[in-house]
């Protein structure tokens, strides 16, 4: 039984495509931070940070400010959620659920 390069590349491409679809569904619907508001592309990857910081020359901090004005708590990345100007609630930068009350 001989395998052709085209068959192997097709199988690798299909496996990668299934991985991307599974990761997308997980980050949008099953991730612990899925309940937080914010742009959906921020839940998928951190490429928007690269765009604002590198391509636009360090404008990501101003973009974060806009997100806080619009959403309050906002999801900044796949595993980043932050709220600004809430002295009673500590800043969250990591994977925790929005309904947790045992913040450190």
N, C-alpha and C. Protein backbone atom coordinates (compact mmCIF):
# COMPACT_ATOMS: atom_id res chain seq x y z
N UNK A 1 0.85 -1.18 0.00
CA UNK A 1 0.00 0.00 0.00
C UNK A 1 0.89 1.24 0.00
N UNK A 2 0.74 2.07 -0.98
CA UNK A 2 1.57 3.26 -1.06
C UNK A 2 0.71 4.51 -0.85
N UNK A 3 1.27 5.42 -0.13
CA UNK A 3 0.58 6.69 0.13
C UNK A 3 1.22 7.76 -0.74
N UNK A 4 0.40 8.57 -1.31
CA UNK A 4 0.95 9.65 -2.11
C UNK A 4 1.09 10.90 -1.25
N UNK A 5 1.92 11.79 -1.68
CA UNK A 5 2.14 13.05 -0.97
C UNK A 5 0.85 13.85 -0.93
N UNK A 6 0.08 13.82 -2.01
CA UNK A 6 -1.18 14.57 -2.06
C UNK A 6 -2.16 14.07 -1.01
N UNK A 7 -2.21 12.76 -0.81
CA UNK A 7 -3.11 12.18 0.19
C UNK A 7 -2.68 12.59 1.60
N UNK A 8 -1.39 12.55 1.85
CA UNK A 8 -0.88 12.96 3.17
C UNK A 8 -1.11 14.45 3.42
N UNK A 9 -0.88 15.27 2.42
CA UNK A 9 -1.12 16.70 2.58
C UNK A 9 -2.61 16.99 2.77
N UNK A 10 -3.46 16.26 2.07
CA UNK A 10 -4.90 16.43 2.23
C UNK A 10 -5.35 16.04 3.63
N UNK A 11 -4.82 14.94 4.16
CA UNK A 11 -5.17 14.50 5.50
C UNK A 11 -4.67 15.50 6.54
N UNK A 12 -3.47 16.02 6.35
CA UNK A 12 -2.93 17.01 7.29
C UNK A 12 -3.76 18.30 7.24
N UNK A 13 -4.16 18.70 6.05
CA UNK A 13 -5.00 19.89 5.91
C UNK A 13 -6.36 19.72 6.55
N UNK A 14 -6.94 18.54 6.39
CA UNK A 14 -8.24 18.26 7.01
C UNK A 14 -8.12 18.24 8.53
N UNK A 15 -7.05 17.64 9.05
CA UNK A 15 -6.85 17.61 10.51
C UNK A 15 -6.66 19.02 11.05
N UNK A 16 -5.89 19.84 10.35
CA UNK A 16 -5.68 21.23 10.79
C UNK A 16 -7.00 22.01 10.75
N UNK A 17 -7.78 21.81 9.71
CA UNK A 17 -9.08 22.49 9.60
C UNK A 17 -10.02 22.10 10.73
N UNK A 18 -10.07 20.80 11.08
CA UNK A 18 -10.90 20.35 12.20
C UNK A 18 -10.42 20.95 13.52
N UNK A 19 -9.10 21.05 13.68
CA UNK A 19 -8.54 21.65 14.89
C UNK A 19 -8.97 23.12 15.01
N UNK A 20 -8.87 23.87 13.92
CA UNK A 20 -9.24 25.29 13.95
C UNK A 20 -10.72 25.46 14.24
N UNK A 21 -11.57 24.64 13.64
CA UNK A 21 -13.01 24.72 13.89
C UNK A 21 -13.31 24.38 15.35
N UNK A 22 -12.70 23.32 15.86
CA UNK A 22 -12.90 22.93 17.26
C UNK A 22 -12.43 23.99 18.23
N UNK A 23 -11.27 24.57 17.97
CA UNK A 23 -10.74 25.63 18.83
C UNK A 23 -11.63 26.87 18.80
N UNK A 24 -12.13 27.21 17.63
CA UNK A 24 -13.04 28.35 17.50
C UNK A 24 -14.31 28.14 18.30
N UNK A 25 -14.92 26.98 18.16
CA UNK A 25 -16.14 26.69 18.91
C UNK A 25 -15.88 26.68 20.41
N UNK A 26 -14.75 26.13 20.83
CA UNK A 26 -14.43 26.11 22.25
C UNK A 26 -14.27 27.53 22.80
N UNK A 27 -13.49 28.35 22.11
CA UNK A 27 -13.23 29.70 22.62
C UNK A 27 -14.47 30.59 22.61
N UNK A 28 -15.38 30.37 21.69
CA UNK A 28 -16.58 31.20 21.62
C UNK A 28 -17.69 30.74 22.57
N UNK A 29 -17.80 29.44 22.82
CA UNK A 29 -18.96 28.95 23.55
C UNK A 29 -18.65 28.17 24.83
N UNK A 30 -17.51 27.51 24.93
CA UNK A 30 -17.24 26.62 26.06
C UNK A 30 -16.18 27.13 27.02
N UNK A 31 -15.39 28.09 26.63
CA UNK A 31 -14.31 28.63 27.45
C UNK A 31 -14.88 29.28 28.71
N UNK A 32 -14.16 29.23 29.84
CA UNK A 32 -14.65 29.88 31.05
C UNK A 32 -14.93 31.38 30.89
N UNK A 33 -14.26 32.05 29.97
CA UNK A 33 -14.48 33.48 29.75
C UNK A 33 -15.49 33.76 28.64
N UNK A 34 -16.17 32.75 28.16
CA UNK A 34 -17.12 32.95 27.05
C UNK A 34 -18.28 33.84 27.45
N UNK A 35 -18.59 33.95 28.72
CA UNK A 35 -19.71 34.78 29.17
C UNK A 35 -19.40 36.26 29.24
N UNK A 36 -18.14 36.63 29.13
CA UNK A 36 -17.78 38.04 29.20
C UNK A 36 -18.05 38.74 27.88
N UNK A 37 -18.50 40.00 27.93
CA UNK A 37 -18.74 40.73 26.68
C UNK A 37 -17.43 41.16 26.03
N UNK A 38 -17.53 41.49 24.77
CA UNK A 38 -16.37 41.96 24.03
C UNK A 38 -16.46 41.49 22.60
N UNK A 39 -15.56 41.96 21.75
CA UNK A 39 -15.58 41.54 20.36
C UNK A 39 -15.24 40.06 20.23
N UNK A 40 -15.92 39.39 19.32
CA UNK A 40 -15.71 37.95 19.15
C UNK A 40 -14.32 37.63 18.62
N UNK A 41 -13.75 38.50 17.80
CA UNK A 41 -12.41 38.23 17.29
C UNK A 41 -11.39 38.27 18.41
N UNK A 42 -11.66 38.99 19.48
CA UNK A 42 -10.75 39.01 20.62
C UNK A 42 -10.77 37.66 21.34
N UNK A 43 -11.92 37.00 21.32
CA UNK A 43 -12.02 35.68 21.95
C UNK A 43 -11.28 34.62 21.14
N UNK A 44 -11.08 34.87 19.86
CA UNK A 44 -10.47 33.87 19.00
C UNK A 44 -8.95 33.91 19.00
N UNK A 45 -8.36 35.09 19.01
CA UNK A 45 -6.90 35.18 18.96
C UNK A 45 -6.43 36.53 19.51
N UNK A 46 -5.13 36.69 19.57
CA UNK A 46 -4.55 37.94 20.05
C UNK A 46 -3.97 38.76 18.89
N UNK A 47 -4.33 38.43 17.67
CA UNK A 47 -3.79 39.15 16.52
C UNK A 47 -4.25 40.61 16.49
N UNK A 48 -5.39 40.93 17.07
CA UNK A 48 -5.82 42.33 17.09
C UNK A 48 -4.88 43.17 17.95
N UNK A 49 -4.29 42.57 18.98
CA UNK A 49 -3.30 43.29 19.78
C UNK A 49 -2.08 43.63 18.93
N UNK A 50 -1.63 42.68 18.14
CA UNK A 50 -0.51 42.92 17.24
C UNK A 50 -0.84 44.05 16.27
N UNK A 51 -2.05 44.03 15.72
CA UNK A 51 -2.47 45.06 14.77
C UNK A 51 -2.42 46.45 15.41
N UNK A 52 -3.01 46.58 16.61
CA UNK A 52 -3.05 47.90 17.26
C UNK A 52 -1.67 48.32 17.76
N UNK A 53 -0.88 47.39 18.26
CA UNK A 53 0.42 47.76 18.82
C UNK A 53 1.50 47.95 17.77
N UNK A 54 1.53 47.10 16.76
CA UNK A 54 2.62 47.17 15.78
C UNK A 54 2.22 47.98 14.56
N UNK A 55 1.11 47.63 13.94
CA UNK A 55 0.72 48.29 12.70
C UNK A 55 0.26 49.72 12.95
N UNK A 56 -0.52 49.94 14.02
CA UNK A 56 -1.01 51.29 14.33
C UNK A 56 -0.12 52.04 15.31
N UNK A 57 0.98 51.45 15.69
CA UNK A 57 1.98 52.16 16.50
C UNK A 57 1.60 52.36 17.96
N UNK A 58 1.17 51.32 18.64
CA UNK A 58 0.93 51.40 20.07
C UNK A 58 -0.43 51.94 20.48
N UNK A 59 -1.43 51.74 19.69
CA UNK A 59 -2.78 52.27 19.98
C UNK A 59 -3.66 51.29 20.76
N UNK A 60 -3.11 50.15 21.18
CA UNK A 60 -3.94 49.15 21.84
C UNK A 60 -4.48 49.65 23.17
N UNK A 61 -3.72 50.45 23.89
CA UNK A 61 -4.21 50.94 25.18
C UNK A 61 -5.43 51.85 25.00
N UNK A 62 -5.47 52.59 23.90
CA UNK A 62 -6.64 53.43 23.62
C UNK A 62 -7.83 52.59 23.18
N UNK A 63 -7.54 51.50 22.48
CA UNK A 63 -8.59 50.57 22.07
C UNK A 63 -9.20 49.90 23.30
N UNK A 64 -8.36 49.54 24.28
CA UNK A 64 -8.86 48.95 25.52
C UNK A 64 -9.79 49.93 26.22
N UNK A 65 -9.43 51.20 26.24
CA UNK A 65 -10.27 52.23 26.84
C UNK A 65 -11.65 52.28 26.16
N UNK A 66 -11.66 52.22 24.84
CA UNK A 66 -12.94 52.20 24.10
C UNK A 66 -13.78 50.98 24.47
N UNK A 67 -13.12 49.83 24.59
CA UNK A 67 -13.85 48.62 24.96
C UNK A 67 -14.45 48.74 26.36
N UNK A 68 -13.71 49.34 27.28
CA UNK A 68 -14.24 49.51 28.64
C UNK A 68 -15.43 50.46 28.67
N UNK A 69 -15.39 51.48 27.85
CA UNK A 69 -16.53 52.41 27.78
C UNK A 69 -17.76 51.71 27.21
N UNK A 70 -17.54 50.82 26.25
CA UNK A 70 -18.65 50.14 25.59
C UNK A 70 -19.19 48.97 26.40
N UNK A 71 -18.30 48.15 26.99
CA UNK A 71 -18.71 46.90 27.61
C UNK A 71 -18.56 46.87 29.14
N UNK A 72 -17.71 47.71 29.72
CA UNK A 72 -17.37 47.54 31.13
C UNK A 72 -16.31 46.46 31.21
N UNK A 73 -16.68 45.28 31.73
CA UNK A 73 -15.80 44.12 31.63
C UNK A 73 -15.66 43.79 30.16
N UNK A 74 -14.47 43.56 29.69
CA UNK A 74 -14.34 43.19 28.28
C UNK A 74 -13.28 42.13 28.12
N UNK A 75 -13.51 41.29 27.15
CA UNK A 75 -12.59 40.21 26.84
C UNK A 75 -11.56 40.74 25.86
N UNK A 76 -10.29 40.69 26.25
CA UNK A 76 -9.22 41.25 25.43
C UNK A 76 -8.49 40.20 24.61
N UNK A 77 -8.65 38.97 24.96
CA UNK A 77 -7.97 37.89 24.25
C UNK A 77 -8.59 36.57 24.63
N UNK A 78 -8.06 35.48 24.08
CA UNK A 78 -8.62 34.17 24.38
C UNK A 78 -8.62 33.86 25.88
N UNK A 79 -7.66 34.35 26.60
CA UNK A 79 -7.56 34.05 28.02
C UNK A 79 -7.34 35.33 28.83
N UNK A 80 -7.85 36.45 28.34
CA UNK A 80 -7.68 37.74 29.02
C UNK A 80 -9.01 38.47 29.10
N UNK A 81 -9.34 38.85 30.31
CA UNK A 81 -10.54 39.63 30.54
C UNK A 81 -10.19 40.68 31.57
N UNK A 82 -10.64 41.91 31.36
CA UNK A 82 -10.23 42.97 32.25
C UNK A 82 -11.32 44.00 32.42
N UNK A 83 -11.35 44.60 33.58
CA UNK A 83 -12.26 45.70 33.87
C UNK A 83 -11.46 46.82 34.47
N UNK A 84 -11.75 48.02 34.09
CA UNK A 84 -10.99 49.17 34.57
C UNK A 84 -11.86 50.00 35.50
N UNK A 85 -11.24 50.65 36.44
CA UNK A 85 -11.90 51.56 37.37
C UNK A 85 -12.97 50.86 38.22
N UNK A 86 -12.64 49.73 38.76
CA UNK A 86 -13.55 49.05 39.69
C UNK A 86 -12.77 48.76 40.96
N UNK A 87 -12.73 49.70 41.90
CA UNK A 87 -11.90 49.51 43.09
C UNK A 87 -12.35 48.34 43.97
N UNK A 88 -13.61 47.95 43.91
CA UNK A 88 -14.10 46.86 44.76
C UNK A 88 -13.78 45.49 44.19
N UNK A 89 -13.49 45.42 42.88
CA UNK A 89 -13.23 44.14 42.23
C UNK A 89 -11.80 44.16 41.71
N UNK A 90 -10.97 43.18 42.10
CA UNK A 90 -9.60 43.16 41.58
C UNK A 90 -9.56 42.89 40.09
N UNK A 91 -8.54 43.40 39.43
CA UNK A 91 -8.40 43.17 37.99
C UNK A 91 -8.17 41.69 37.74
N UNK A 92 -8.76 41.19 36.69
CA UNK A 92 -8.63 39.79 36.33
C UNK A 92 -7.84 39.72 35.04
N UNK A 93 -6.75 39.00 35.09
CA UNK A 93 -5.97 38.78 33.89
C UNK A 93 -5.62 37.30 33.85
N UNK A 94 -6.54 36.51 33.39
CA UNK A 94 -6.35 35.07 33.37
C UNK A 94 -7.65 34.36 33.13
N UNK A 95 -7.63 33.09 33.29
CA UNK A 95 -8.80 32.28 33.00
C UNK A 95 -9.61 32.02 34.26
N UNK A 96 -10.60 32.82 34.49
CA UNK A 96 -11.52 32.55 35.59
C UNK A 96 -12.93 32.88 35.13
N UNK A 97 -13.91 32.32 35.80
CA UNK A 97 -15.29 32.50 35.40
C UNK A 97 -15.84 33.84 35.91
N UNK A 98 -16.80 34.45 35.20
CA UNK A 98 -17.37 35.73 35.64
C UNK A 98 -18.20 35.60 36.90
N UNK A 99 -18.64 34.39 37.25
CA UNK A 99 -19.47 34.24 38.44
C UNK A 99 -18.67 33.87 39.69
N UNK A 100 -17.36 33.84 39.60
CA UNK A 100 -16.51 33.50 40.75
C UNK A 100 -16.56 34.60 41.77
N UNK A 101 -16.59 34.23 43.02
CA UNK A 101 -16.56 35.22 44.10
C UNK A 101 -15.33 35.07 44.96
N UNK A 102 -14.51 34.07 44.70
CA UNK A 102 -13.32 33.83 45.52
C UNK A 102 -12.06 34.39 44.88
N UNK A 103 -12.14 35.62 44.40
CA UNK A 103 -10.97 36.24 43.77
C UNK A 103 -9.88 36.46 44.82
N UNK A 104 -8.63 36.30 44.43
CA UNK A 104 -7.54 36.52 45.40
C UNK A 104 -7.40 37.97 45.79
